[in-house]
Amino acid sequence: MTTSPTFPAAADIAAIRQRLNQFSCLTLPPTLSEAEAGQVRADLAYFNEWSDYQTLGICASSLAEGQQSLEAFLGALGISVNLDLPAREGAVYLKFNTLKGAWYLDDYSGLSRGVLIAFHTSDPEVAEVSGTYGPFPFDLFIEH
């Protein structure tokens, strides 16, 4: 006997979207209290569970900062990677697609910093999960 997946209530998705949308249109991610960071981590974990795949975009002041953050976020999403990225000086834009396991790296001259996560789903039961959220702090999933 197979069981059908348990889908979240529309009100639960709406509440999470509302909490995550507070970061939209920010140039820099806010400093979060530990309680706020815990709520964001939980919300992202729910959307990760309900989505098919994710795309992460990181605008960082250095490649090291961007790569460390990307690897921590991917680890939190349950994806283990060891990225062998070419050396690069200055600010960077780093993008990763979890469906393809593909990355993109380029110079970045903008003022924005932080991590954006786009959740993608083709399931109409959880279609409202789809969207781009952030920017989130680089260290959201890095233990202090």
C-alpha atoms as a PDB file:
ATOM      1  CA  MET A   1       0.000   0.000   0.000  1.00  0.00           C
ATOM      2  CA  THR A   2       1.356   3.414  -0.907  1.00  0.00           C
ATOM      3  CA  THR A   3       0.544   6.560   0.912  1.00  0.00           C
ATOM      4  CA  SER A   4       0.078   9.894  -0.728  1.00  0.00           C
ATOM      5  CA  PRO A   5       2.380  12.707   0.372  1.00  0.00           C
ATOM      6  CA  THR A   6       1.205  15.004   3.105  1.00  0.00           C
ATOM      7  CA  PHE A   7       0.893  18.505   1.746  1.00  0.00           C
ATOM      8  CA  PRO A   8       1.050  21.583   3.912  1.00  0.00           C
ATOM      9  CA  ALA A   9      -2.025  23.695   4.398  1.00  0.00           C
ATOM     10  CA  ALA A  10      -2.244  26.745   2.154  1.00  0.00           C
ATOM     11  CA  ALA A  11      -2.266  28.907   5.287  1.00  0.00           C
ATOM     12  CA  ASP A  12       1.081  27.384   6.389  1.00  0.00           C
ATOM     13  CA  ILE A  13       2.677  28.144   3.027  1.00  0.00           C
ATOM     14  CA  ALA A  14       1.258  31.681   3.093  1.00  0.00           C
ATOM     15  CA  ALA A  15       2.646  32.286   6.600  1.00  0.00           C
ATOM     16  CA  ILE A  16       6.113  31.089   5.574  1.00  0.00           C
ATOM     17  CA  ARG A  17       6.029  33.162   2.373  1.00  0.00           C
ATOM     18  CA  GLN A  18       5.100  36.225   4.411  1.00  0.00           C
ATOM     19  CA  ARG A  19       8.007  35.674   6.814  1.00  0.00           C
ATOM     20  CA  LEU A  20      10.497  35.049   3.997  1.00  0.00           C
ATOM     21  CA  ASN A  21       9.231  37.924   1.842  1.00  0.00           C
ATOM     22  CA  GLN A  22      10.330  40.426   4.500  1.00  0.00           C
ATOM     23  CA  PHE A  23      13.820  40.053   3.001  1.00  0.00           C
ATOM     24  CA  SER A  24      12.736  40.926  -0.551  1.00  0.00           C
ATOM     25  CA  CYS A  25      14.134  44.082  -2.097  1.00  0.00           C
ATOM     26  CA  LEU A  26      16.895  44.411   0.498  1.00  0.00           C
ATOM     27  CA  THR A  27      20.382  45.238  -0.717  1.00  0.00           C
ATOM     28  CA  LEU A  28      22.010  43.710   2.348  1.00  0.00           C
ATOM     29  CA  PRO A  29      20.659  40.939   4.556  1.00  0.00           C
ATOM     30  CA  PRO A  30      19.650  42.050   8.041  1.00  0.00           C
ATOM     31  CA  THR A  31      21.386  40.978  11.217  1.00  0.00           C
ATOM     32  CA  LEU A  32      19.162  38.308  12.752  1.00  0.00           C
ATOM     33  CA  SER A  33      18.765  37.303  16.370  1.00  0.00           C
ATOM     34  CA  GLU A  34      19.297  33.597  17.049  1.00  0.00           C
ATOM     35  CA  ALA A  35      15.504  33.136  17.317  1.00  0.00           C
ATOM     36  CA  GLU A  36      14.936  34.915  13.991  1.00  0.00           C
ATOM     37  CA  ALA A  37      17.692  32.901  12.312  1.00  0.00           C
ATOM     38  CA  GLY A  38      16.193  29.690  13.669  1.00  0.00           C
ATOM     39  CA  GLN A  39      12.787  30.587  12.222  1.00  0.00           C
ATOM     40  CA  VAL A  40      14.316  31.391   8.823  1.00  0.00           C
ATOM     41  CA  ARG A  41      16.236  28.095   8.826  1.00  0.00           C
ATOM     42  CA  ALA A  42      13.024  26.213   9.665  1.00  0.00           C
ATOM     43  CA  ASP A  43      11.052  28.052   6.978  1.00  0.00           C
ATOM     44  CA  LEU A  44      13.694  27.324   4.352  1.00  0.00           C
ATOM     45  CA  ALA A  45      13.759  23.664   5.403  1.00  0.00           C
ATOM     46  CA  TYR A  46       9.983  23.405   4.895  1.00  0.00           C
ATOM     47  CA  PHE A  47      10.155  24.980   1.442  1.00  0.00           C
ATOM     48  CA  ASN A  48      13.096  22.727   0.586  1.00  0.00           C
ATOM     49  CA  GLU A  49      11.016  19.683   1.548  1.00  0.00           C
ATOM     50  CA  TRP A  50       8.083  20.813  -0.585  1.00  0.00           C
ATOM     51  CA  SER A  51      10.065  21.875  -3.670  1.00  0.00           C
ATOM     52  CA  ASP A  52      11.527  19.828  -6.508  1.00  0.00           C
ATOM     53  CA  TYR A  53      14.828  21.700  -6.658  1.00  0.00           C
ATOM     54  CA  GLN A  54      16.466  25.016  -5.775  1.00  0.00           C
ATOM     55  CA  THR A  55      18.639  27.659  -7.369  1.00  0.00           C
ATOM     56  CA  LEU A  56      20.960  29.675  -5.147  1.00  0.00           C
ATOM     57  CA  GLY A  57      22.459  33.017  -6.084  1.00  0.00           C
ATOM     58  CA  ILE A  58      25.165  34.600  -3.964  1.00  0.00           C
ATOM     59  CA  CYS A  59      26.630  38.077  -4.208  1.00  0.00           C
ATOM     60  CA  ALA A  60      29.723  38.143  -2.016  1.00  0.00           C
ATOM     61  CA  SER A  61      32.708  40.406  -1.443  1.00  0.00           C
ATOM     62  CA  SER A  62      35.097  37.500  -2.040  1.00  0.00           C
ATOM     63  CA  LEU A  63      35.092  34.050  -3.578  1.00  0.00           C
ATOM     64  CA  ALA A  64      35.957  32.484  -0.205  1.00  0.00           C
ATOM     65  CA  GLU A  65      32.940  34.121   1.449  1.00  0.00           C
ATOM     66  CA  GLY A  66      30.635  33.077  -1.382  1.00  0.00           C
ATOM     67  CA  GLN A  67      31.895  29.508  -1.593  1.00  0.00           C
ATOM     68  CA  GLN A  68      31.754  28.920   2.168  1.00  0.00           C
ATOM     69  CA  SER A  69      28.218  30.243   2.278  1.00  0.00           C
ATOM     70  CA  LEU A  70      27.098  28.238  -0.768  1.00  0.00           C
ATOM     71  CA  GLU A  71      28.482  25.008   0.651  1.00  0.00           C
ATOM     72  CA  ALA A  72      26.799  25.663   4.024  1.00  0.00           C
ATOM     73  CA  PHE A  73      23.424  26.451   2.411  1.00  0.00           C
ATOM     74  CA  LEU A  74      23.652  23.391   0.154  1.00  0.00           C
ATOM     75  CA  GLY A  75      24.525  21.233   3.154  1.00  0.00           C
ATOM     76  CA  ALA A  76      21.421  22.530   4.934  1.00  0.00           C
ATOM     77  CA  LEU A  77      19.386  21.583   1.850  1.00  0.00           C
ATOM     78  CA  GLY A  78      20.814  18.061   2.052  1.00  0.00           C
ATOM     79  CA  ILE A  79      23.239  18.446  -0.852  1.00  0.00           C
ATOM     80  CA  SER A  80      26.899  17.661  -0.374  1.00  0.00           C
ATOM     81  CA  VAL A  81      29.264  19.265  -2.862  1.00  0.00           C
ATOM     82  CA  ASN A  82      32.928  19.985  -3.083  1.00  0.00           C
ATOM     83  CA  LEU A  83      33.205  22.850  -5.526  1.00  0.00           C
ATOM     84  CA  ASP A  84      36.525  23.260  -7.283  1.00  0.00           C
ATOM     85  CA  LEU A  85      36.098  26.878  -8.302  1.00  0.00           C
ATOM     86  CA  PRO A  86      38.781  28.858 -10.132  1.00  0.00           C
ATOM     87  CA  ALA A  87      40.565  31.568  -8.178  1.00  0.00           C
ATOM     88  CA  ARG A  88      39.024  34.995  -8.518  1.00  0.00           C
ATOM     89  CA  GLU A  89      39.789  38.346  -6.908  1.00  0.00           C
ATOM     90  CA  GLY A  90      37.185  40.813  -5.679  1.00  0.00           C
ATOM     91  CA  ALA A  91      33.426  40.572  -5.402  1.00  0.00           C
ATOM     92  CA  VAL A  92      31.709  37.619  -7.076  1.00  0.00           C
ATOM     93  CA  TYR A  93      28.344  36.355  -8.196  1.00  0.00           C
ATOM     94  CA  LEU A  94      28.001  32.618  -7.654  1.00  0.00           C
ATOM     95  CA  LYS A  95      24.982  30.628  -8.787  1.00  0.00           C
ATOM     96  CA  PHE A  96      24.170  26.959  -8.183  1.00  0.00           C
ATOM     97  CA  ASN A  97      21.338  24.834  -9.600  1.00  0.00           C
ATOM     98  CA  THR A  98      20.598  21.794  -7.416  1.00  0.00           C
ATOM     99  CA  LEU A  99      18.708  19.973 -10.192  1.00  0.00           C
ATOM    100  CA  LYS A 100      21.668  19.997 -12.556  1.00  0.00           C
ATOM    101  CA  GLY A 101      24.447  20.240  -9.975  1.00  0.00           C
ATOM    102  CA  ALA A 102      25.770  23.083 -12.107  1.00  0.00           C
ATOM    103  CA  TRP A 103      27.432  26.305 -11.003  1.00  0.00           C
ATOM    104  CA  TYR A 104      28.217  29.667 -12.560  1.00  0.00           C
ATOM    105  CA  LEU A 105      30.809  32.147 -11.315  1.00  0.00           C
ATOM    106  CA  ASP A 106      31.455  35.709 -12.444  1.00  0.00           C
ATOM    107  CA  ASP A 107      32.783  39.052 -11.253  1.00  0.00           C
ATOM    108  CA  TYR A 108      30.221  41.243  -9.514  1.00  0.00           C
ATOM    109  CA  SER A 109      30.251  45.029  -9.325  1.00  0.00           C
ATOM    110  CA  GLY A 110      26.891  45.647  -7.641  1.00  0.00           C
ATOM    111  CA  LEU A 111      26.224  46.702  -4.059  1.00  0.00           C
ATOM    112  CA  SER A 112      23.934  43.790  -3.087  1.00  0.00           C
ATOM    113  CA  ARG A 113      25.262  41.105  -0.788  1.00  0.00           C
ATOM    114  CA  GLY A 114      23.772  37.902   0.589  1.00  0.00           C
ATOM    115  CA  VAL A 115      22.169  34.653  -0.507  1.00  0.00           C
ATOM    116  CA  LEU A 116      19.037  34.308  -2.621  1.00  0.00           C
ATOM    117  CA  ILE A 117      17.197  31.003  -2.831  1.00  0.00           C
ATOM    118  CA  ALA A 118      14.675  30.194  -5.539  1.00  0.00           C
ATOM    119  CA  PHE A 119      12.454  27.192  -4.856  1.00  0.00           C
ATOM    120  CA  HIS A 120      10.958  25.392  -7.857  1.00  0.00           C
ATOM    121  CA  THR A 121       8.074  22.930  -7.905  1.00  0.00           C
ATOM    122  CA  SER A 122       5.833  21.505 -10.571  1.00  0.00           C
ATOM    123  CA  ASP A 123       3.334  20.132  -8.048  1.00  0.00           C
ATOM    124  CA  PRO A 124       0.119  22.176  -8.079  1.00  0.00           C
ATOM    125  CA  GLU A 125      -0.554  21.198  -4.449  1.00  0.00           C
ATOM    126  CA  VAL A 126       2.392  23.321  -3.328  1.00  0.00           C
ATOM    127  CA  ALA A 127       2.749  25.757  -6.242  1.00  0.00           C
ATOM    128  CA  GLU A 128       2.883  28.726  -3.846  1.00  0.00           C
ATOM    129  CA  VAL A 129       6.260  27.480  -2.583  1.00  0.00           C
ATOM    130  CA  SER A 130       7.835  28.519  -5.897  1.00  0.00           C
ATOM    131  CA  GLY A 131       9.574  31.863  -5.713  1.00  0.00           C
ATOM    132  CA  THR A 132      12.795  33.635  -4.880  1.00  0.00           C
ATOM    133  CA  TYR A 133      13.555  34.581  -1.283  1.00  0.00           C
ATOM    134  CA  GLY A 134      16.320  36.592   0.356  1.00  0.00           C
ATOM    135  CA  PRO A 135      18.888  37.960   0.619  1.00  0.00           C
ATOM    136  CA  PHE A 136      19.818  35.922   3.648  1.00  0.00           C
ATOM    137  CA  PRO A 137      22.977  36.319   5.755  1.00  0.00           C
ATOM    138  CA  PHE A 138      26.021  34.399   4.530  1.00  0.00           C
ATOM    139  CA  ASP A 139      26.437  32.688   7.891  1.00  0.00           C
ATOM    140  CA  LEU A 140      22.803  31.567   8.340  1.00  0.00           C
ATOM    141  CA  PHE A 141      23.882  27.892   8.207  1.00  0.00           C
ATOM    142  CA  ILE A 142      27.443  28.301   9.498  1.00  0.00           C
ATOM    143  CA  GLU A 143      27.897  27.326  13.125  1.00  0.00           C
ATOM    144  CA  HIS A 144      29.401  30.070  15.253  1.00  0.00           C
END
